[in-house]
Amino acid sequence: MADRVIASYENRERDHCVDVFVRDDGSFGFEEWRREPEDPGKWYRARYYSAAVFASVALAVEEARRKVAWFAELPPPDTSAF
């Protein structure tokens, strides 16, 4: 079974996003994506962060905010619902 995205956060320009996902084993991870203006419907992997493993959504988001500069500039998301 594939990883399941449980939250997606876009930058203000809506051309980059961070997806937070849960794995079958209950661990969490994140990945950064981008899309090109000439192909706005398709997302491309921007970085390779998905191998990192976290015990909670909050920890995955915290690390994503450390690694992804534009994400750190946004207000911190509420992860309490996860």
C-alpha atoms as a PDB file:
ATOM      1  CA  MET A   1       0.000   0.000   0.000  1.00  0.00           C
ATOM      2  CA  ALA A   2       1.275   3.506  -0.822  1.00  0.00           C
ATOM      3  CA  ASP A   3       1.996   6.301   1.630  1.00  0.00           C
ATOM      4  CA  ARG A   4      -1.134   8.366   2.320  1.00  0.00           C
ATOM      5  CA  VAL A   5      -0.911  12.171   2.250  1.00  0.00           C
ATOM      6  CA  ILE A   6      -2.692  13.565   5.293  1.00  0.00           C
ATOM      7  CA  ALA A   7      -1.805  17.270   4.946  1.00  0.00           C
ATOM      8  CA  SER A   8      -0.581  19.505   2.165  1.00  0.00           C
ATOM      9  CA  TYR A   9       0.748  23.043   2.643  1.00  0.00           C
ATOM     10  CA  GLU A  10       1.264  25.428  -0.296  1.00  0.00           C
ATOM     11  CA  ASN A  11       3.384  28.544  -0.458  1.00  0.00           C
ATOM     12  CA  ARG A  12       1.781  31.924  -1.127  1.00  0.00           C
ATOM     13  CA  GLU A  13       2.504  31.713  -4.857  1.00  0.00           C
ATOM     14  CA  ARG A  14       0.937  28.226  -4.962  1.00  0.00           C
ATOM     15  CA  ASP A  15       3.865  26.830  -6.939  1.00  0.00           C
ATOM     16  CA  HIS A  16       5.484  24.802  -4.132  1.00  0.00           C
ATOM     17  CA  CYS A  17       3.958  22.555  -1.506  1.00  0.00           C
ATOM     18  CA  VAL A  18       4.953  20.267   1.333  1.00  0.00           C
ATOM     19  CA  ASP A  19       2.994  17.042   1.691  1.00  0.00           C
ATOM     20  CA  VAL A  20       2.981  15.249   5.029  1.00  0.00           C
ATOM     21  CA  PHE A  21       2.181  11.560   4.770  1.00  0.00           C
ATOM     22  CA  VAL A  22       1.666   8.483   6.915  1.00  0.00           C
ATOM     23  CA  ARG A  23       3.211   5.129   6.066  1.00  0.00           C
ATOM     24  CA  ASP A  24       1.677   1.692   6.542  1.00  0.00           C
ATOM     25  CA  ASP A  25       3.800   1.210   9.676  1.00  0.00           C
ATOM     26  CA  GLY A  26       2.289   4.356  11.283  1.00  0.00           C
ATOM     27  CA  SER A  27       5.387   6.521  10.849  1.00  0.00           C
ATOM     28  CA  PHE A  28       5.253   9.909   9.131  1.00  0.00           C
ATOM     29  CA  GLY A  29       7.294  11.734   6.544  1.00  0.00           C
ATOM     30  CA  PHE A  30       7.190  14.741   4.242  1.00  0.00           C
ATOM     31  CA  GLU A  31       8.158  15.758   0.737  1.00  0.00           C
ATOM     32  CA  GLU A  32       8.505  19.097  -1.051  1.00  0.00           C
ATOM     33  CA  TRP A  33       6.954  19.515  -4.514  1.00  0.00           C
ATOM     34  CA  ARG A  34       6.928  22.254  -7.173  1.00  0.00           C
ATOM     35  CA  ARG A  35       4.971  22.994 -10.313  1.00  0.00           C
ATOM     36  CA  GLU A  36       6.009  24.876 -13.399  1.00  0.00           C
ATOM     37  CA  PRO A  37       4.002  27.833 -14.751  1.00  0.00           C
ATOM     38  CA  GLU A  38       3.820  26.213 -18.187  1.00  0.00           C
ATOM     39  CA  ASP A  39       2.353  23.028 -16.670  1.00  0.00           C
ATOM     40  CA  PRO A  40       0.337  24.144 -13.623  1.00  0.00           C
ATOM     41  CA  GLY A  41      -1.514  20.845 -13.244  1.00  0.00           C
ATOM     42  CA  LYS A  42       1.532  18.639 -12.655  1.00  0.00           C
ATOM     43  CA  TRP A  43       3.629  18.550  -9.493  1.00  0.00           C
ATOM     44  CA  TYR A  44       7.324  17.593  -9.535  1.00  0.00           C
ATOM     45  CA  ARG A  45       9.473  16.510  -6.622  1.00  0.00           C
ATOM     46  CA  ALA A  46      11.602  19.478  -5.544  1.00  0.00           C
ATOM     47  CA  ARG A  47      13.689  17.748  -2.870  1.00  0.00           C
ATOM     48  CA  TYR A  48      14.101  14.230  -1.516  1.00  0.00           C
ATOM     49  CA  TYR A  49      13.039  14.297   2.127  1.00  0.00           C
ATOM     50  CA  SER A  50      10.667  11.318   2.084  1.00  0.00           C
ATOM     51  CA  ALA A  51      13.185   8.818   3.499  1.00  0.00           C
ATOM     52  CA  ALA A  52      13.231  10.575   6.882  1.00  0.00           C
ATOM     53  CA  VAL A  53      11.005   8.887   9.478  1.00  0.00           C
ATOM     54  CA  PHE A  54       9.068  10.679  12.242  1.00  0.00           C
ATOM     55  CA  ALA A  55       6.929   9.395  15.099  1.00  0.00           C
ATOM     56  CA  SER A  56       4.256  12.093  14.679  1.00  0.00           C
ATOM     57  CA  VAL A  57       2.824  14.622  12.247  1.00  0.00           C
ATOM     58  CA  ALA A  58       4.059  17.417  14.521  1.00  0.00           C
ATOM     59  CA  LEU A  59       7.660  16.173  14.311  1.00  0.00           C
ATOM     60  CA  ALA A  60       7.460  15.800  10.520  1.00  0.00           C
ATOM     61  CA  VAL A  61       6.073  19.342  10.161  1.00  0.00           C
ATOM     62  CA  GLU A  62       8.696  20.714  12.546  1.00  0.00           C
ATOM     63  CA  GLU A  63      11.507  19.208  10.457  1.00  0.00           C
ATOM     64  CA  ALA A  64       9.886  20.332   7.197  1.00  0.00           C
ATOM     65  CA  ARG A  65       9.837  23.899   8.538  1.00  0.00           C
ATOM     66  CA  ARG A  66      13.576  23.585   9.324  1.00  0.00           C
ATOM     67  CA  LYS A  67      14.439  22.229   5.877  1.00  0.00           C
ATOM     68  CA  VAL A  68      12.067  24.200   3.603  1.00  0.00           C
ATOM     69  CA  ALA A  69      12.711  27.951   3.846  1.00  0.00           C
ATOM     70  CA  TRP A  70       9.402  29.178   2.411  1.00  0.00           C
ATOM     71  CA  PHE A  71       7.442  26.839   4.727  1.00  0.00           C
ATOM     72  CA  ALA A  72       9.214  28.303   7.763  1.00  0.00           C
ATOM     73  CA  GLU A  73       8.063  31.779   6.681  1.00  0.00           C
ATOM     74  CA  LEU A  74       4.372  30.795   6.881  1.00  0.00           C
ATOM     75  CA  PRO A  75       2.450  30.704  10.158  1.00  0.00           C
ATOM     76  CA  PRO A  76       2.945  27.320  11.835  1.00  0.00           C
ATOM     77  CA  PRO A  77       0.135  24.901  10.950  1.00  0.00           C
ATOM     78  CA  ASP A  78      -2.067  23.391  13.637  1.00  0.00           C
ATOM     79  CA  THR A  79      -1.179  19.712  13.808  1.00  0.00           C
ATOM     80  CA  SER A  80      -3.308  18.906  16.854  1.00  0.00           C
ATOM     81  CA  ALA A  81      -6.030  17.263  14.724  1.00  0.00           C
ATOM     82  CA  PHE A  82      -3.642  14.495  13.739  1.00  0.00           C
END
